[in-house]
N, C-alpha and C. Protein backbone atom coordinates (compact mmCIF):
# COMPACT_ATOMS: atom_id res chain seq x y z
N MET A 1 81.76 118.06 101.88
CA MET A 1 81.38 116.74 102.50
C MET A 1 82.58 115.91 103.77
N ALA A 2 82.03 115.42 104.88
CA ALA A 2 82.86 115.15 106.05
C ALA A 2 83.64 114.35 105.22
N GLU A 3 85.20 114.46 105.96
CA GLU A 3 86.03 112.80 105.27
C GLU A 3 85.42 112.07 106.30
N LYS A 4 85.76 110.71 105.23
CA LYS A 4 84.69 109.23 105.73
C LYS A 4 86.15 108.69 106.87
N MET A 5 85.03 108.04 107.94
CA MET A 5 85.74 107.40 108.45
C MET A 5 86.79 106.24 108.79
N PHE A 6 86.51 105.48 107.76
CA PHE A 6 87.45 104.21 107.37
C PHE A 6 88.52 104.56 106.03
N MET A 7 89.80 104.30 106.23
CA MET A 7 90.36 104.11 104.72
C MET A 7 90.88 103.04 104.62
N ARG A 8 90.32 102.90 103.24
CA ARG A 8 90.61 101.54 102.30
C ARG A 8 91.54 101.83 101.90
N VAL A 9 92.39 100.13 101.10
CA VAL A 9 93.50 100.05 101.14
C VAL A 9 94.03 100.25 99.92
N SER A 10 93.32 100.94 99.02
CA SER A 10 93.90 102.41 97.63
C SER A 10 94.29 103.48 98.61
N GLU A 11 93.70 103.67 99.44
CA GLU A 11 94.06 105.01 100.20
C GLU A 11 95.11 104.97 101.06
N VAL A 12 95.64 104.08 101.71
CA VAL A 12 96.75 103.63 102.68
C VAL A 12 97.91 103.37 101.87
N ALA A 13 97.78 102.64 100.52
CA ALA A 13 98.58 102.54 100.08
C ALA A 13 99.30 103.63 99.15
N SER A 14 98.19 105.06 98.94
CA SER A 14 98.73 105.64 98.25
C SER A 14 99.45 106.86 99.57
N VAL A 15 98.70 106.93 100.78
CA VAL A 15 99.67 107.76 101.81
C VAL A 15 100.97 107.32 102.18
N LEU A 16 100.86 106.12 101.88
CA LEU A 16 102.07 105.61 102.31
C LEU A 16 103.30 104.65 101.02
N ASP A 17 102.93 105.23 100.02
CA ASP A 17 103.90 105.38 99.32
C ASP A 17 103.96 103.52 98.82
N VAL A 18 102.94 102.75 98.98
CA VAL A 18 103.58 101.16 99.01
C VAL A 18 102.37 100.89 98.10
N SER A 19 102.73 98.99 98.01
CA SER A 19 101.65 98.01 97.26
C SER A 19 100.44 98.14 98.17
N GLU A 20 99.74 97.27 97.00
CA GLU A 20 98.47 97.17 98.05
C GLU A 20 98.32 96.21 99.02
N PRO A 21 99.17 95.31 98.26
CA PRO A 21 99.52 93.89 99.20
C PRO A 21 99.93 94.41 101.08
N TYR A 22 100.88 94.97 100.41
CA TYR A 22 101.66 95.27 101.70
C TYR A 22 100.56 95.96 103.21
N SER A 23 99.76 97.25 102.23
CA SER A 23 98.42 97.89 102.65
C SER A 23 98.05 96.87 103.54
N TYR A 24 97.24 95.78 102.70
CA TYR A 24 96.85 94.78 103.30
C TYR A 24 97.32 94.29 104.60
N LYS A 25 98.40 94.03 104.54
CA LYS A 25 99.31 93.37 105.70
C LYS A 25 99.55 94.31 106.84
N LEU A 26 99.61 96.12 106.54
CA LEU A 26 99.56 97.10 107.62
C LEU A 26 97.96 97.16 107.52
N ILE A 27 96.88 96.83 107.76
CA ILE A 27 95.34 97.02 107.91
C ILE A 27 95.55 95.92 108.65
N ARG A 28 95.53 94.72 108.27
CA ARG A 28 95.57 93.30 109.16
C ARG A 28 96.35 93.70 110.87
N LYS A 29 97.11 94.30 110.60
CA LYS A 29 98.17 94.58 111.75
C LYS A 29 97.16 95.47 112.80
N MET A 30 96.89 96.47 112.61
CA MET A 30 96.48 97.40 112.68
C MET A 30 94.91 97.43 113.50
N ASN A 31 94.36 96.47 112.45
CA ASN A 31 92.91 95.71 112.73
C ASN A 31 93.39 95.20 113.91
N GLY A 32 93.48 94.24 114.05
CA GLY A 32 94.13 93.07 115.43
C GLY A 32 94.40 94.42 116.77
N GLU A 33 94.96 94.98 117.09
CA GLU A 33 95.55 96.00 117.42
C GLU A 33 94.14 96.37 118.29
N LEU A 34 93.30 96.83 117.05
CA LEU A 34 91.86 97.34 117.93
C LEU A 34 91.22 96.66 118.16
N LYS A 35 91.30 95.40 117.58
CA LYS A 35 90.36 93.96 117.72
C LYS A 35 90.94 93.48 119.59
N LYS A 36 92.14 93.93 119.72
CA LYS A 36 92.30 93.59 121.10
C LYS A 36 91.75 94.75 122.19
N SER A 37 91.54 95.82 121.66
CA SER A 37 91.17 96.67 122.60
C SER A 37 89.72 96.58 122.64
N GLY A 38 89.57 95.68 122.16
CA GLY A 38 87.58 95.55 122.33
C GLY A 38 86.93 96.12 120.83
N CYS A 39 87.66 97.01 120.12
CA CYS A 39 86.83 97.39 119.17
C CYS A 39 86.17 96.50 117.75
N ILE A 40 85.31 96.77 117.11
CA ILE A 40 85.24 96.49 116.03
C ILE A 40 85.67 97.07 115.15
N THR A 41 86.08 95.84 113.74
CA THR A 41 86.73 96.73 112.80
C THR A 41 86.43 95.70 111.50
N ILE A 42 86.68 96.49 110.60
CA ILE A 42 86.01 95.81 108.81
C ILE A 42 87.16 95.13 108.05
N SER A 43 87.34 93.93 107.78
CA SER A 43 88.10 94.04 107.15
C SER A 43 88.54 94.71 105.65
N GLY A 44 89.26 94.65 105.08
CA GLY A 44 90.37 95.84 104.37
C GLY A 44 90.32 97.07 104.66
N ARG A 45 89.95 97.50 105.64
CA ARG A 45 89.49 98.90 105.80
C ARG A 45 89.77 99.28 107.87
N VAL A 46 90.20 100.71 107.76
CA VAL A 46 91.02 100.73 108.72
C VAL A 46 90.45 102.21 109.39
N ASP A 47 90.48 102.71 110.78
CA ASP A 47 89.80 103.50 111.05
C ASP A 47 90.99 105.10 110.99
N ARG A 48 90.46 105.83 110.27
CA ARG A 48 91.17 106.96 109.74
C ARG A 48 92.18 107.32 110.97
N ARG A 49 91.04 107.89 112.37
CA ARG A 49 92.07 108.78 113.14
C ARG A 49 92.75 107.54 113.36
N PHE A 50 92.80 106.24 113.98
CA PHE A 50 94.31 104.90 114.43
C PHE A 50 95.19 104.93 113.31
N PHE A 51 94.82 105.15 112.28
CA PHE A 51 95.81 104.64 110.97
C PHE A 51 97.07 106.06 111.23
N TYR A 52 96.46 107.68 111.37
CA TYR A 52 97.38 108.93 111.46
C TYR A 52 97.87 109.02 112.63
N GLU A 53 97.26 108.20 113.95
CA GLU A 53 97.99 108.10 115.29
C GLU A 53 99.51 107.00 115.58
N LYS A 54 99.38 105.80 114.18
CA LYS A 54 100.62 104.78 114.59
C LYS A 54 101.08 105.66 113.40
N PHE A 55 101.03 106.26 112.47
CA PHE A 55 102.39 106.60 111.18
C PHE A 55 102.19 108.34 112.17
N TYR A 56 101.73 108.79 112.24
CA TYR A 56 102.29 110.24 111.98
C TYR A 56 102.20 111.18 113.84
N THR A 57 101.93 109.87 114.54
CA THR A 57 102.04 110.65 116.11
C THR A 57 103.69 110.67 116.83
N PRO A 58 103.92 111.17 117.19
CA PRO A 58 105.60 110.69 117.33
C PRO A 58 105.79 110.36 118.77
N LYS A 59 106.64 109.42 119.01
CA LYS A 59 106.21 108.76 120.10
C LYS A 59 107.70 109.42 120.78
N LYS A 60 107.57 109.42 122.14
CA LYS A 60 108.29 109.89 123.28
C LYS A 60 109.81 109.14 123.09
N PRO A 61 110.59 110.21 123.32
CA PRO A 61 112.03 109.52 123.19
C PRO A 61 112.60 108.64 124.14
N THR A 62 112.49 107.57 124.00
CA THR A 62 113.17 106.92 124.98
C THR A 62 114.44 107.24 125.60
N GLU A 63 114.75 106.97 126.84
CA GLU A 63 116.16 106.99 127.17
C GLU A 63 116.83 106.17 127.43
N ARG A 64 118.04 106.32 126.86
CA ARG A 64 119.09 105.47 126.41
C ARG A 64 119.92 105.59 128.16
N THR A 65 120.19 103.87 128.03
CA THR A 65 121.29 103.51 129.32
C THR A 65 121.66 102.79 129.24
N GLU A 66 123.48 103.64 129.19
CA GLU A 66 124.49 102.89 129.38
C GLU A 66 125.85 102.61 130.02
């Protein structure tokens, strides 16, 4: 069976090892970002690909200027 497109709160909590209330907060934040970019979102769920991009894609190191 193919992996589902959306992650629910319980799955986010499990992957990140955080509480479900905190997972709701994270999902609301990510869904807010998705809405700003024009995407349709579902409360209490987050797009799996977006979730993994936000949490597991390394950012380019910024150069420090001193």
